[in-house]
Amino acid sequence: MTESELDKLYRKIFERLEELEFDISDAVIHFDEIFPKASSNDIYSGTEEIPFKYREKEYKLILKKEFL
């Protein structure tokens, strides 16, 4: 296919998409609608105060790479 043929094809596709007027948010299914909510005690809540020097080595490396 030549470039001009591809351009024509893309235009046709976009014209059809505009005709459909489809709202993608209608197609999204949220996880809370599929899976029941359950509280887990083993998930980190972010409320613990752990000094940086006592954190896991991998955690420290990631933060240092991200912010230094």
N, C-alpha and C. Protein backbone atom coordinates (compact mmCIF):
# COMPACT_ATOMS: atom_id res chain seq x y z
N MET A 1 0.83 -1.18 0.00
CA MET A 1 0.00 0.00 0.00
C MET A 1 0.88 1.24 0.00
N THR A 2 0.49 2.21 -0.80
CA THR A 2 1.26 3.45 -0.84
C THR A 2 0.83 4.35 0.31
N GLU A 3 1.61 5.40 0.49
CA GLU A 3 1.33 6.31 1.60
C GLU A 3 -0.02 7.02 1.41
N SER A 4 -0.33 7.39 0.19
CA SER A 4 -1.61 8.07 -0.05
C SER A 4 -2.79 7.12 0.18
N GLU A 5 -2.62 5.85 -0.16
CA GLU A 5 -3.67 4.86 0.10
C GLU A 5 -3.89 4.67 1.60
N LEU A 6 -2.78 4.66 2.33
CA LEU A 6 -2.88 4.55 3.79
C LEU A 6 -3.58 5.77 4.38
N ASP A 7 -3.24 6.94 3.88
CA ASP A 7 -3.90 8.16 4.35
C ASP A 7 -5.40 8.10 4.12
N LYS A 8 -5.81 7.64 2.95
CA LYS A 8 -7.23 7.52 2.63
C LYS A 8 -7.91 6.52 3.58
N LEU A 9 -7.23 5.42 3.82
CA LEU A 9 -7.77 4.40 4.71
C LEU A 9 -7.94 4.96 6.13
N TYR A 10 -6.91 5.67 6.63
CA TYR A 10 -6.99 6.28 7.95
C TYR A 10 -8.14 7.27 8.02
N ARG A 11 -8.30 8.09 7.00
CA ARG A 11 -9.39 9.06 6.98
C ARG A 11 -10.74 8.36 7.06
N LYS A 12 -10.89 7.27 6.30
CA LYS A 12 -12.15 6.52 6.34
C LYS A 12 -12.41 5.96 7.73
N ILE A 13 -11.37 5.43 8.33
CA ILE A 13 -11.51 4.84 9.67
C ILE A 13 -11.93 5.91 10.66
N PHE A 14 -11.26 7.07 10.64
CA PHE A 14 -11.59 8.13 11.58
C PHE A 14 -12.98 8.70 11.33
N GLU A 15 -13.39 8.77 10.07
CA GLU A 15 -14.75 9.22 9.77
C GLU A 15 -15.77 8.27 10.36
N ARG A 16 -15.52 6.99 10.23
CA ARG A 16 -16.44 5.98 10.81
C ARG A 16 -16.49 6.07 12.32
N LEU A 17 -15.33 6.28 12.93
CA LEU A 17 -15.27 6.40 14.39
C LEU A 17 -16.06 7.61 14.87
N GLU A 18 -15.96 8.71 14.14
CA GLU A 18 -16.72 9.90 14.50
C GLU A 18 -18.22 9.66 14.36
N GLU A 19 -18.61 8.86 13.38
CA GLU A 19 -20.03 8.54 13.18
C GLU A 19 -20.58 7.71 14.34
N LEU A 20 -19.74 6.85 14.89
CA LEU A 20 -20.19 5.96 15.95
C LEU A 20 -20.47 6.71 17.25
N GLU A 21 -19.75 7.80 17.50
CA GLU A 21 -19.89 8.57 18.73
C GLU A 21 -19.90 7.66 19.96
N PHE A 22 -18.91 6.86 20.05
CA PHE A 22 -18.78 5.90 21.14
C PHE A 22 -18.02 6.52 22.30
N ASP A 23 -18.57 6.43 23.48
CA ASP A 23 -17.91 6.94 24.68
C ASP A 23 -17.21 5.77 25.37
N ILE A 24 -15.90 5.80 25.39
CA ILE A 24 -15.11 4.69 25.94
C ILE A 24 -15.40 4.47 27.42
N SER A 25 -15.80 5.49 28.14
CA SER A 25 -16.07 5.32 29.57
C SER A 25 -17.26 4.38 29.81
N ASP A 26 -18.12 4.22 28.81
CA ASP A 26 -19.22 3.27 28.94
C ASP A 26 -18.73 1.82 28.87
N ALA A 27 -17.57 1.62 28.26
CA ALA A 27 -17.03 0.27 28.09
C ALA A 27 -16.12 -0.15 29.24
N VAL A 28 -15.78 0.76 30.11
CA VAL A 28 -14.88 0.46 31.22
C VAL A 28 -15.66 -0.20 32.35
N ILE A 29 -15.14 -1.32 32.81
CA ILE A 29 -15.74 -2.01 33.95
C ILE A 29 -14.77 -1.86 35.12
N HIS A 30 -15.24 -1.24 36.16
CA HIS A 30 -14.38 -0.99 37.31
C HIS A 30 -14.19 -2.26 38.13
N PHE A 31 -13.00 -2.38 38.73
CA PHE A 31 -12.69 -3.56 39.51
C PHE A 31 -13.66 -3.77 40.66
N ASP A 32 -14.13 -2.67 41.28
CA ASP A 32 -15.03 -2.87 42.42
C ASP A 32 -16.37 -3.45 41.98
N GLU A 33 -16.70 -3.34 40.70
CA GLU A 33 -17.94 -3.94 40.22
C GLU A 33 -17.77 -5.44 39.96
N ILE A 34 -16.55 -5.87 39.74
CA ILE A 34 -16.28 -7.28 39.45
C ILE A 34 -15.92 -8.06 40.71
N PHE A 35 -15.01 -7.49 41.49
CA PHE A 35 -14.51 -8.18 42.68
C PHE A 35 -15.07 -7.53 43.95
N PRO A 36 -15.49 -8.34 44.88
CA PRO A 36 -15.99 -7.76 46.14
C PRO A 36 -14.83 -7.13 46.93
N LYS A 37 -15.15 -6.08 47.66
CA LYS A 37 -14.12 -5.42 48.46
C LYS A 37 -13.85 -6.25 49.70
N ALA A 38 -12.57 -6.39 50.01
CA ALA A 38 -12.17 -7.12 51.21
C ALA A 38 -11.01 -6.38 51.85
N SER A 39 -11.04 -6.24 53.13
CA SER A 39 -9.93 -5.58 53.80
C SER A 39 -8.82 -6.60 54.03
N SER A 40 -7.61 -6.16 53.81
CA SER A 40 -6.45 -7.02 54.00
C SER A 40 -5.53 -6.41 55.03
N ASN A 41 -5.18 -7.18 56.02
CA ASN A 41 -4.29 -6.68 57.05
C ASN A 41 -2.83 -6.73 56.63
N ASP A 42 -2.51 -7.46 55.57
CA ASP A 42 -1.12 -7.62 55.18
C ASP A 42 -0.66 -6.56 54.16
N ILE A 43 -1.53 -5.65 53.77
CA ILE A 43 -1.15 -4.62 52.81
C ILE A 43 -0.68 -3.40 53.57
N TYR A 44 0.43 -2.83 53.11
CA TYR A 44 1.01 -1.66 53.77
C TYR A 44 0.05 -0.49 53.65
N SER A 45 -0.29 0.09 54.77
CA SER A 45 -1.26 1.18 54.79
C SER A 45 -0.62 2.55 54.68
N GLY A 46 0.68 2.63 54.89
CA GLY A 46 1.37 3.91 54.80
C GLY A 46 1.39 4.67 56.11
N THR A 47 0.83 4.10 57.15
CA THR A 47 0.77 4.82 58.43
C THR A 47 1.97 4.51 59.33
N GLU A 48 2.74 3.48 59.00
CA GLU A 48 3.90 3.15 59.83
C GLU A 48 4.99 4.19 59.61
N GLU A 49 5.72 4.50 60.66
CA GLU A 49 6.83 5.43 60.55
C GLU A 49 8.13 4.64 60.65
N ILE A 50 8.66 4.25 59.50
CA ILE A 50 9.89 3.49 59.45
C ILE A 50 11.01 4.41 58.98
N PRO A 51 12.05 4.62 59.81
CA PRO A 51 13.17 5.47 59.38
C PRO A 51 13.82 4.90 58.11
N PHE A 52 14.30 5.79 57.26
CA PHE A 52 14.88 5.38 55.98
C PHE A 52 15.99 4.36 56.15
N LYS A 53 16.82 4.53 57.18
CA LYS A 53 17.96 3.61 57.35
C LYS A 53 17.52 2.18 57.67
N TYR A 54 16.28 1.99 58.12
CA TYR A 54 15.78 0.65 58.44
C TYR A 54 14.92 0.05 57.31
N ARG A 55 14.78 0.76 56.23
CA ARG A 55 13.98 0.26 55.11
C ARG A 55 14.73 -0.85 54.38
N GLU A 56 14.00 -1.60 53.55
CA GLU A 56 14.60 -2.65 52.73
C GLU A 56 15.61 -2.03 51.76
N LYS A 57 16.65 -2.78 51.44
CA LYS A 57 17.71 -2.28 50.57
C LYS A 57 17.15 -1.91 49.19
N GLU A 58 16.31 -2.75 48.64
CA GLU A 58 15.73 -2.49 47.31
C GLU A 58 14.90 -1.20 47.31
N TYR A 59 14.15 -0.99 48.36
CA TYR A 59 13.34 0.22 48.50
C TYR A 59 14.23 1.46 48.50
N LYS A 60 15.32 1.40 49.27
CA LYS A 60 16.23 2.54 49.34
C LYS A 60 16.86 2.83 47.98
N LEU A 61 17.25 1.78 47.26
CA LEU A 61 17.85 1.97 45.94
C LEU A 61 16.87 2.63 44.96
N ILE A 62 15.63 2.19 45.00
CA ILE A 62 14.63 2.77 44.11
C ILE A 62 14.42 4.25 44.41
N LEU A 63 14.27 4.58 45.67
CA LEU A 63 14.06 5.98 46.05
C LEU A 63 15.28 6.85 45.69
N LYS A 64 16.46 6.32 45.92
CA LYS A 64 17.66 7.10 45.59
C LYS A 64 17.75 7.36 44.09
N LYS A 65 17.45 6.34 43.28
CA LYS A 65 17.48 6.52 41.83
C LYS A 65 16.42 7.52 41.37
N GLU A 66 15.28 7.49 42.02
CA GLU A 66 14.16 8.33 41.62
C GLU A 66 14.38 9.79 41.98
N PHE A 67 14.94 10.06 43.14
CA PHE A 67 14.98 11.43 43.64
C PHE A 67 16.36 12.05 43.71
N LEU A 68 17.41 11.32 43.42
CA LEU A 68 18.75 11.93 43.46
C LEU A 68 19.29 12.13 42.08
